[in-house]
PDB file of N, CA and C in Angstrom:
ATOM      1  N   MET A   1      12.489 -32.679 -46.935  1.00  0.00           N
ATOM      2  CA  MET A   1      13.779 -33.196 -46.532  1.00  0.00           C
ATOM      3  C   MET A   1      14.217 -32.447 -45.280  1.00  0.00           C
ATOM      4  N   CYS A   2      14.728 -33.163 -44.298  1.00  0.00           N
ATOM      5  CA  CYS A   2      15.173 -32.487 -43.085  1.00  0.00           C
ATOM      6  C   CYS A   2      16.454 -31.705 -43.366  1.00  0.00           C
ATOM      7  N   MET A   3      16.699 -30.669 -42.570  1.00  0.00           N
ATOM      8  CA  MET A   3      17.843 -29.784 -42.807  1.00  0.00           C
ATOM      9  C   MET A   3      19.170 -30.527 -42.694  1.00  0.00           C
ATOM     10  N   ALA A   4      19.292 -31.461 -41.757  1.00  0.00           N
ATOM     11  CA  ALA A   4      20.548 -32.193 -41.598  1.00  0.00           C
ATOM     12  C   ALA A   4      20.865 -32.989 -42.855  1.00  0.00           C
ATOM     13  N   LYS A   5      19.866 -33.660 -43.414  1.00  0.00           N
ATOM     14  CA  LYS A   5      20.054 -34.435 -44.641  1.00  0.00           C
ATOM     15  C   LYS A   5      20.395 -33.511 -45.797  1.00  0.00           C
ATOM     16  N   GLN A   6      19.682 -32.400 -45.907  1.00  0.00           N
ATOM     17  CA  GLN A   6      19.922 -31.441 -46.981  1.00  0.00           C
ATOM     18  C   GLN A   6      21.337 -30.865 -46.863  1.00  0.00           C
ATOM     19  N   ASP A   7      21.757 -30.511 -45.664  1.00  0.00           N
ATOM     20  CA  ASP A   7      23.103 -29.982 -45.456  1.00  0.00           C
ATOM     21  C   ASP A   7      24.155 -31.018 -45.828  1.00  0.00           C
ATOM     22  N   ALA A   8      23.927 -32.273 -45.469  1.00  0.00           N
ATOM     23  CA  ALA A   8      24.870 -33.335 -45.809  1.00  0.00           C
ATOM     24  C   ALA A   8      24.962 -33.509 -47.318  1.00  0.00           C
ATOM     25  N   ASP A   9      23.822 -33.470 -48.000  1.00  0.00           N
ATOM     26  CA  ASP A   9      23.819 -33.593 -49.454  1.00  0.00           C
ATOM     27  C   ASP A   9      24.578 -32.445 -50.101  1.00  0.00           C
ATOM     28  N   MET A  10      24.366 -31.236 -49.606  1.00  0.00           N
ATOM     29  CA  MET A  10      25.035 -30.064 -50.166  1.00  0.00           C
ATOM     30  C   MET A  10      26.545 -30.138 -49.919  1.00  0.00           C
ATOM     31  N   ALA A  11      26.942 -30.660 -48.774  1.00  0.00           N
ATOM     32  CA  ALA A  11      28.359 -30.723 -48.432  1.00  0.00           C
ATOM     33  C   ALA A  11      29.116 -31.680 -49.339  1.00  0.00           C
ATOM     34  N   GLU A  12      28.428 -32.649 -49.912  1.00  0.00           N
ATOM     35  CA  GLU A  12      29.083 -33.662 -50.724  1.00  0.00           C
ATOM     36  C   GLU A  12      29.064 -33.358 -52.208  1.00  0.00           C
ATOM     37  N   ARG A  13      28.476 -32.261 -52.622  1.00  0.00           N
ATOM     38  CA  ARG A  13      28.446 -31.984 -54.043  1.00  0.00           C
ATOM     39  C   ARG A  13      29.187 -30.700 -54.338  1.00  0.00           C
ATOM     40  N   GLY A  14      29.640 -30.613 -55.547  1.00  0.00           N
ATOM     41  CA  GLY A  14      30.300 -29.393 -55.995  1.00  0.00           C
ATOM     42  C   GLY A  14      29.307 -28.576 -56.799  1.00  0.00           C
ATOM     43  N   LEU A  15      29.713 -28.179 -57.947  1.00  0.00           N
ATOM     44  CA  LEU A  15      28.854 -27.398 -58.827  1.00  0.00           C
ATOM     45  C   LEU A  15      27.679 -28.236 -59.325  1.00  0.00           C
ATOM     46  N   LEU A  16      27.930 -29.498 -59.616  1.00  0.00           N
ATOM     47  CA  LEU A  16      26.904 -30.374 -60.185  1.00  0.00           C
ATOM     48  C   LEU A  16      26.358 -31.347 -59.151  1.00  0.00           C
ATOM     49  N   THR A  17      25.081 -31.671 -59.295  1.00  0.00           N
ATOM     50  CA  THR A  17      24.502 -32.745 -58.495  1.00  0.00           C
ATOM     51  C   THR A  17      24.940 -34.071 -59.103  1.00  0.00           C
ATOM     52  N   ASP A  18      24.756 -35.160 -58.368  1.00  0.00           N
ATOM     53  CA  ASP A  18      25.092 -36.477 -58.911  1.00  0.00           C
ATOM     54  C   ASP A  18      24.304 -36.741 -60.195  1.00  0.00           C
ATOM     55  N   ARG A  19      23.041 -36.378 -60.205  1.00  0.00           N
ATOM     56  CA  ARG A  19      22.191 -36.599 -61.381  1.00  0.00           C
ATOM     57  C   ARG A  19      22.681 -35.775 -62.570  1.00  0.00           C
ATOM     58  N   GLU A  20      23.042 -34.518 -62.319  1.00  0.00           N
ATOM     59  CA  GLU A  20      23.562 -33.686 -63.403  1.00  0.00           C
ATOM     60  C   GLU A  20      24.847 -34.283 -63.962  1.00  0.00           C
ATOM     61  N   ARG A  21      25.681 -34.826 -63.106  1.00  0.00           N
ATOM     62  CA  ARG A  21      26.916 -35.481 -63.569  1.00  0.00           C
ATOM     63  C   ARG A  21      26.592 -36.642 -64.498  1.00  0.00           C
ATOM     64  N   GLU A  22      25.627 -37.470 -64.106  1.00  0.00           N
ATOM     65  CA  GLU A  22      25.224 -38.600 -64.951  1.00  0.00           C
ATOM     66  C   GLU A  22      24.757 -38.117 -66.320  1.00  0.00           C
ATOM     67  N   ILE A  23      23.951 -37.081 -66.322  1.00  0.00           N
ATOM     68  CA  ILE A  23      23.383 -36.564 -67.567  1.00  0.00           C
ATOM     69  C   ILE A  23      24.475 -35.969 -68.443  1.00  0.00           C
ATOM     70  N   VAL A  24      25.350 -35.170 -67.866  1.00  0.00           N
ATOM     71  CA  VAL A  24      26.429 -34.547 -68.635  1.00  0.00           C
ATOM     72  C   VAL A  24      27.357 -35.611 -69.223  1.00  0.00           C
ATOM     73  N   LYS A  25      27.634 -36.666 -68.459  1.00  0.00           N
ATOM     74  CA  LYS A  25      28.520 -37.727 -68.942  1.00  0.00           C
ATOM     75  C   LYS A  25      27.836 -38.655 -69.940  1.00  0.00           C
ATOM     76  N   GLY A  26      26.539 -38.466 -70.158  1.00  0.00           N
ATOM     77  CA  GLY A  26      25.815 -39.311 -71.102  1.00  0.00           C
ATOM     78  C   GLY A  26      25.422 -40.659 -70.532  1.00  0.00           C
ATOM     79  N   GLU A  27      25.445 -40.792 -69.221  1.00  0.00           N
ATOM     80  CA  GLU A  27      25.120 -42.055 -68.560  1.00  0.00           C
ATOM     81  C   GLU A  27      23.638 -42.196 -68.249  1.00  0.00           C
ATOM     82  N   ALA A  28      22.864 -41.133 -68.444  1.00  0.00           N
ATOM     83  CA  ALA A  28      21.435 -41.154 -68.121  1.00  0.00           C
ATOM     84  C   ALA A  28      20.628 -41.150 -69.408  1.00  0.00           C
ATOM     85  N   ASP A  29      19.585 -41.932 -69.421  1.00  0.00           N
ATOM     86  CA  ASP A  29      18.699 -41.995 -70.585  1.00  0.00           C
ATOM     87  C   ASP A  29      17.628 -40.922 -70.429  1.00  0.00           C
ATOM     88  N   VAL A  30      17.917 -39.743 -70.972  1.00  0.00           N
ATOM     89  CA  VAL A  30      16.988 -38.619 -70.879  1.00  0.00           C
ATOM     90  C   VAL A  30      16.792 -38.027 -72.271  1.00  0.00           C
ATOM     91  N   SER A  31      15.712 -37.298 -72.428  1.00  0.00           N
ATOM     92  CA  SER A  31      15.422 -36.669 -73.720  1.00  0.00           C
ATOM     93  C   SER A  31      16.397 -35.520 -73.982  1.00  0.00           C
ATOM     94  N   ASP A  32      16.518 -35.148 -75.244  1.00  0.00           N
ATOM     95  CA  ASP A  32      17.358 -34.005 -75.602  1.00  0.00           C
ATOM     96  C   ASP A  32      16.862 -32.739 -74.921  1.00  0.00           C
ATOM     97  N   ASP A  33      15.536 -32.605 -74.806  1.00  0.00           N
ATOM     98  CA  ASP A  33      14.965 -31.430 -74.154  1.00  0.00           C
ATOM     99  C   ASP A  33      15.402 -31.362 -72.693  1.00  0.00           C
ATOM    100  N   TYR A  34      15.351 -32.491 -72.006  1.00  0.00           N
ATOM    101  CA  TYR A  34      15.755 -32.506 -70.600  1.00  0.00           C
ATOM    102  C   TYR A  34      17.247 -32.225 -70.474  1.00  0.00           C
ATOM    103  N   ARG A  35      18.059 -32.792 -71.360  1.00  0.00           N
ATOM    104  CA  ARG A  35      19.499 -32.552 -71.354  1.00  0.00           C
ATOM    105  C   ARG A  35      19.782 -31.054 -71.533  1.00  0.00           C
ATOM    106  N   TYR A  36      19.014 -30.393 -72.407  1.00  0.00           N
ATOM    107  CA  TYR A  36      19.151 -28.955 -72.632  1.00  0.00           C
ATOM    108  C   TYR A  36      18.793 -28.180 -71.357  1.00  0.00           C
ATOM    109  N   ARG A  37      17.712 -28.587 -70.687  1.00  0.00           N
ATOM    110  CA  ARG A  37      17.304 -27.905 -69.452  1.00  0.00           C
ATOM    111  C   ARG A  37      18.359 -28.049 -68.363  1.00  0.00           C
ATOM    112  N   VAL A  38      18.971 -29.223 -68.288  1.00  0.00           N
ATOM    113  CA  VAL A  38      20.036 -29.432 -67.303  1.00  0.00           C
ATOM    114  C   VAL A  38      21.221 -28.523 -67.623  1.00  0.00           C
ATOM    115  N   ALA A  39      21.588 -28.436 -68.894  1.00  0.00           N
ATOM    116  CA  ALA A  39      22.685 -27.549 -69.293  1.00  0.00           C
ATOM    117  C   ALA A  39      22.361 -26.102 -68.936  1.00  0.00           C
ATOM    118  N   SER A  40      21.113 -25.714 -69.112  1.00  0.00           N
ATOM    119  CA  SER A  40      20.693 -24.358 -68.774  1.00  0.00           C
ATOM    120  C   SER A  40      20.813 -24.105 -67.269  1.00  0.00           C
ATOM    121  N   ARG A  41      20.411 -25.084 -66.454  1.00  0.00           N
ATOM    122  CA  ARG A  41      20.542 -24.948 -64.995  1.00  0.00           C
ATOM    123  C   ARG A  41      22.007 -24.814 -64.595  1.00  0.00           C
ATOM    124  N   ILE A  42      22.862 -25.578 -65.247  1.00  0.00           N
ATOM    125  CA  ILE A  42      24.292 -25.509 -64.941  1.00  0.00           C
ATOM    126  C   ILE A  42      24.842 -24.134 -65.318  1.00  0.00           C
ATOM    127  N   ARG A  43      24.420 -23.611 -66.471  1.00  0.00           N
ATOM    128  CA  ARG A  43      24.852 -22.258 -66.866  1.00  0.00           C
ATOM    129  C   ARG A  43      24.422 -21.224 -65.825  1.00  0.00           C
ATOM    130  N   ASN A  44      23.216 -21.367 -65.307  1.00  0.00           N
ATOM    131  CA  ASN A  44      22.738 -20.438 -64.274  1.00  0.00           C
ATOM    132  C   ASN A  44      23.603 -20.523 -63.016  1.00  0.00           C
ATOM    133  N   LYS A  45      24.004 -21.728 -62.647  1.00  0.00           N
ATOM    134  CA  LYS A  45      24.878 -21.894 -61.487  1.00  0.00           C
ATOM    135  C   LYS A  45      26.222 -21.217 -61.737  1.00  0.00           C
ATOM    136  N   ILE A  46      26.747 -21.390 -62.936  1.00  0.00           N
ATOM    137  CA  ILE A  46      28.024 -20.768 -63.284  1.00  0.00           C
ATOM    138  C   ILE A  46      27.909 -19.250 -63.183  1.00  0.00           C
ATOM    139  N   ASP A  47      26.801 -18.699 -63.665  1.00  0.00           N
ATOM    140  CA  ASP A  47      26.587 -17.247 -63.576  1.00  0.00           C
ATOM    141  C   ASP A  47      26.583 -16.770 -62.125  1.00  0.00           C
ATOM    142  N   ARG A  48      26.021 -17.577 -61.224  1.00  0.00           N
ATOM    143  CA  ARG A  48      25.932 -17.178 -59.818  1.00  0.00           C
ATOM    144  C   ARG A  48      27.274 -17.267 -59.086  1.00  0.00           C
ATOM    145  N   ILE A  49      28.215 -17.980 -59.657  1.00  0.00           N
ATOM    146  CA  ILE A  49      29.529 -18.095 -59.027  1.00  0.00           C
ATOM    147  C   ILE A  49      30.181 -16.723 -58.890  1.00  0.00           C
ATOM    148  N   ASP A  50      29.929 -15.833 -59.841  1.00  0.00           N
ATOM    149  CA  ASP A  50      30.510 -14.489 -59.788  1.00  0.00           C
ATOM    150  C   ASP A  50      30.148 -13.785 -58.479  1.00  0.00           C
ATOM    151  N   ASP A  51      28.894 -13.883 -58.071  1.00  0.00           N
ATOM    152  CA  ASP A  51      28.469 -13.278 -56.799  1.00  0.00           C
ATOM    153  C   ASP A  51      29.177 -13.934 -55.616  1.00  0.00           C
ATOM    154  N   ASP A  52      29.323 -15.247 -55.675  1.00  0.00           N
ATOM    155  CA  ASP A  52      29.998 -15.964 -54.594  1.00  0.00           C
ATOM    156  C   ASP A  52      31.458 -15.528 -54.478  1.00  0.00           C
ATOM    157  N   VAL A  53      32.110 -15.354 -55.619  1.00  0.00           N
ATOM    158  CA  VAL A  53      33.505 -14.912 -55.612  1.00  0.00           C
ATOM    159  C   VAL A  53      33.622 -13.527 -54.975  1.00  0.00           C
ATOM    160  N   THR A  54      32.699 -12.648 -55.300  1.00  0.00           N
ATOM    161  CA  THR A  54      32.709 -11.304 -54.711  1.00  0.00           C
ATOM    162  C   THR A  54      32.578 -11.374 -53.192  1.00  0.00           C
ATOM    163  N   ILE A  55      31.675 -12.209 -52.713  1.00  0.00           N
ATOM    164  CA  ILE A  55      31.486 -12.368 -51.263  1.00  0.00           C
ATOM    165  C   ILE A  55      32.753 -12.920 -50.616  1.00  0.00           C
ATOM    166  N   LEU A  56      33.340 -13.930 -51.240  1.00  0.00           N
ATOM    167  CA  LEU A  56      34.572 -14.489 -50.691  1.00  0.00           C
ATOM    168  C   LEU A  56      35.701 -13.466 -50.715  1.00  0.00           C
ATOM    169  N   GLU A  57      35.784 -12.689 -51.776  1.00  0.00           N
ATOM    170  CA  GLU A  57      36.802 -11.639 -51.870  1.00  0.00           C
ATOM    171  C   GLU A  57      36.718 -10.678 -50.693  1.00  0.00           C
ATOM    172  N   GLU A  58      35.491 -10.300 -50.360  1.00  0.00           N
ATOM    173  CA  GLU A  58      35.265  -9.307 -49.310  1.00  0.00           C
ATOM    174  C   GLU A  58      35.356  -9.874 -47.897  1.00  0.00           C
ATOM    175  N   HIS A  59      35.045 -11.160 -47.742  1.00  0.00           N
ATOM    176  CA  HIS A  59      34.904 -11.696 -46.387  1.00  0.00           C
ATOM    177  C   HIS A  59      35.793 -12.889 -46.053  1.00  0.00           C
ATOM    178  N   ARG A  60      36.210 -13.653 -47.038  1.00  0.00           N
ATOM    179  CA  ARG A  60      37.012 -14.856 -46.768  1.00  0.00           C
ATOM    180  C   ARG A  60      38.008 -15.092 -47.902  1.00  0.00           C
ATOM    181  N   ALA A  61      39.012 -14.237 -47.959  1.00  0.00           N
ATOM    182  CA  ALA A  61      40.028 -14.343 -49.009  1.00  0.00           C
ATOM    183  C   ALA A  61      40.726 -15.702 -48.984  1.00  0.00           C
ATOM    184  N   ASP A  62      40.845 -16.300 -47.803  1.00  0.00           N
ATOM    185  CA  ASP A  62      41.482 -17.612 -47.697  1.00  0.00           C
ATOM    186  C   ASP A  62      40.695 -18.672 -48.457  1.00  0.00           C
ATOM    187  N   LEU A  63      39.371 -18.624 -48.351  1.00  0.00           N
ATOM    188  CA  LEU A  63      38.536 -19.589 -49.072  1.00  0.00           C
ATOM    189  C   LEU A  63      38.547 -19.309 -50.567  1.00  0.00           C
ATOM    190  N   LEU A  64      38.605 -18.051 -50.933  1.00  0.00           N
ATOM    191  CA  LEU A  64      38.695 -17.698 -52.350  1.00  0.00           C
ATOM    192  C   LEU A  64      39.982 -18.250 -52.944  1.00  0.00           C
ATOM    193  N   GLU A  65      41.062 -18.171 -52.205  1.00  0.00           N
ATOM    194  CA  GLU A  65      42.334 -18.712 -52.684  1.00  0.00           C
ATOM    195  C   GLU A  65      42.235 -20.225 -52.874  1.00  0.00           C
ATOM    196  N   GLU A  66      41.581 -20.915 -51.953  1.00  0.00           N
ATOM    197  CA  GLU A  66      41.387 -22.363 -52.104  1.00  0.00           C
ATOM    198  C   GLU A  66      40.581 -22.670 -53.360  1.00  0.00           C
ATOM    199  N   LEU A  67      39.532 -21.889 -53.598  1.00  0.00           N
ATOM    200  CA  LEU A  67      38.717 -22.070 -54.793  1.00  0.00           C
ATOM    201  C   LEU A  67      39.561 -21.874 -56.043  1.00  0.00           C
ATOM    202  N   ARG A  68      40.345 -20.829 -56.060  1.00  0.00           N
ATOM    203  CA  ARG A  68      41.196 -20.554 -57.231  1.00  0.00           C
ATOM    204  C   ARG A  68      42.199 -21.674 -57.463  1.00  0.00           C
ATOM    205  N   GLU A  69      42.752 -22.222 -56.394  1.00  0.00           N
ATOM    206  CA  GLU A  69      43.711 -23.319 -56.533  1.00  0.00           C
ATOM    207  C   GLU A  69      43.076 -24.520 -57.218  1.00  0.00           C
ATOM    208  N   VAL A  70      41.828 -24.787 -56.900  1.00  0.00           N
ATOM    209  CA  VAL A  70      41.134 -25.932 -57.497  1.00  0.00           C
ATOM    210  C   VAL A  70      40.692 -25.629 -58.927  1.00  0.00           C
ATOM    211  N   VAL A  71      40.068 -24.489 -59.125  1.00  0.00           N
ATOM    212  CA  VAL A  71      39.474 -24.159 -60.421  1.00  0.00           C
ATOM    213  C   VAL A  71      40.526 -23.748 -61.441  1.00  0.00           C
ATOM    214  N   CYS A  72      41.546 -23.062 -61.007  1.00  0.00           N
ATOM    215  CA  CYS A  72      42.529 -22.502 -61.935  1.00  0.00           C
ATOM    216  C   CYS A  72      43.793 -23.343 -62.022  1.00  0.00           C
ATOM    217  N   GLU A  73      43.754 -24.537 -61.499  1.00  0.00           N
ATOM    218  CA  GLU A  73      44.933 -25.392 -61.492  1.00  0.00           C
ATOM    219  C   GLU A  73      45.365 -25.688 -62.920  1.00  0.00           C
ATOM    220  N   ASP A  74      46.678 -25.648 -63.157  1.00  0.00           N
ATOM    221  CA  ASP A  74      47.223 -25.927 -64.491  1.00  0.00           C
ATOM    222  C   ASP A  74      47.062 -27.404 -64.808  1.00  0.00           C
ATOM    223  N   ASP A  75      46.652 -27.678 -66.050  1.00  0.00           N
ATOM    224  CA  ASP A  75      46.480 -29.080 -66.471  1.00  0.00           C
ATOM    225  C   ASP A  75      47.702 -29.578 -67.198  1.00  0.00           C
TER     226      ASP A  75
END
């Protein structure tokens, strides 16, 4: 995949890929084993967010605040 296409794809997704969203919502016909593997990948991404928050804390507090506004918004 060319870098421009890859960058565009990354810019349009959040934590989950479109495919992961389909699987989590139950819209994809996949095996239980595959569903488990997708959940595991998502857990790994969640674990890595901690490092990202640390980097934002140290270098871009403004972006960290934007992240907190989205993630910690009251429902």
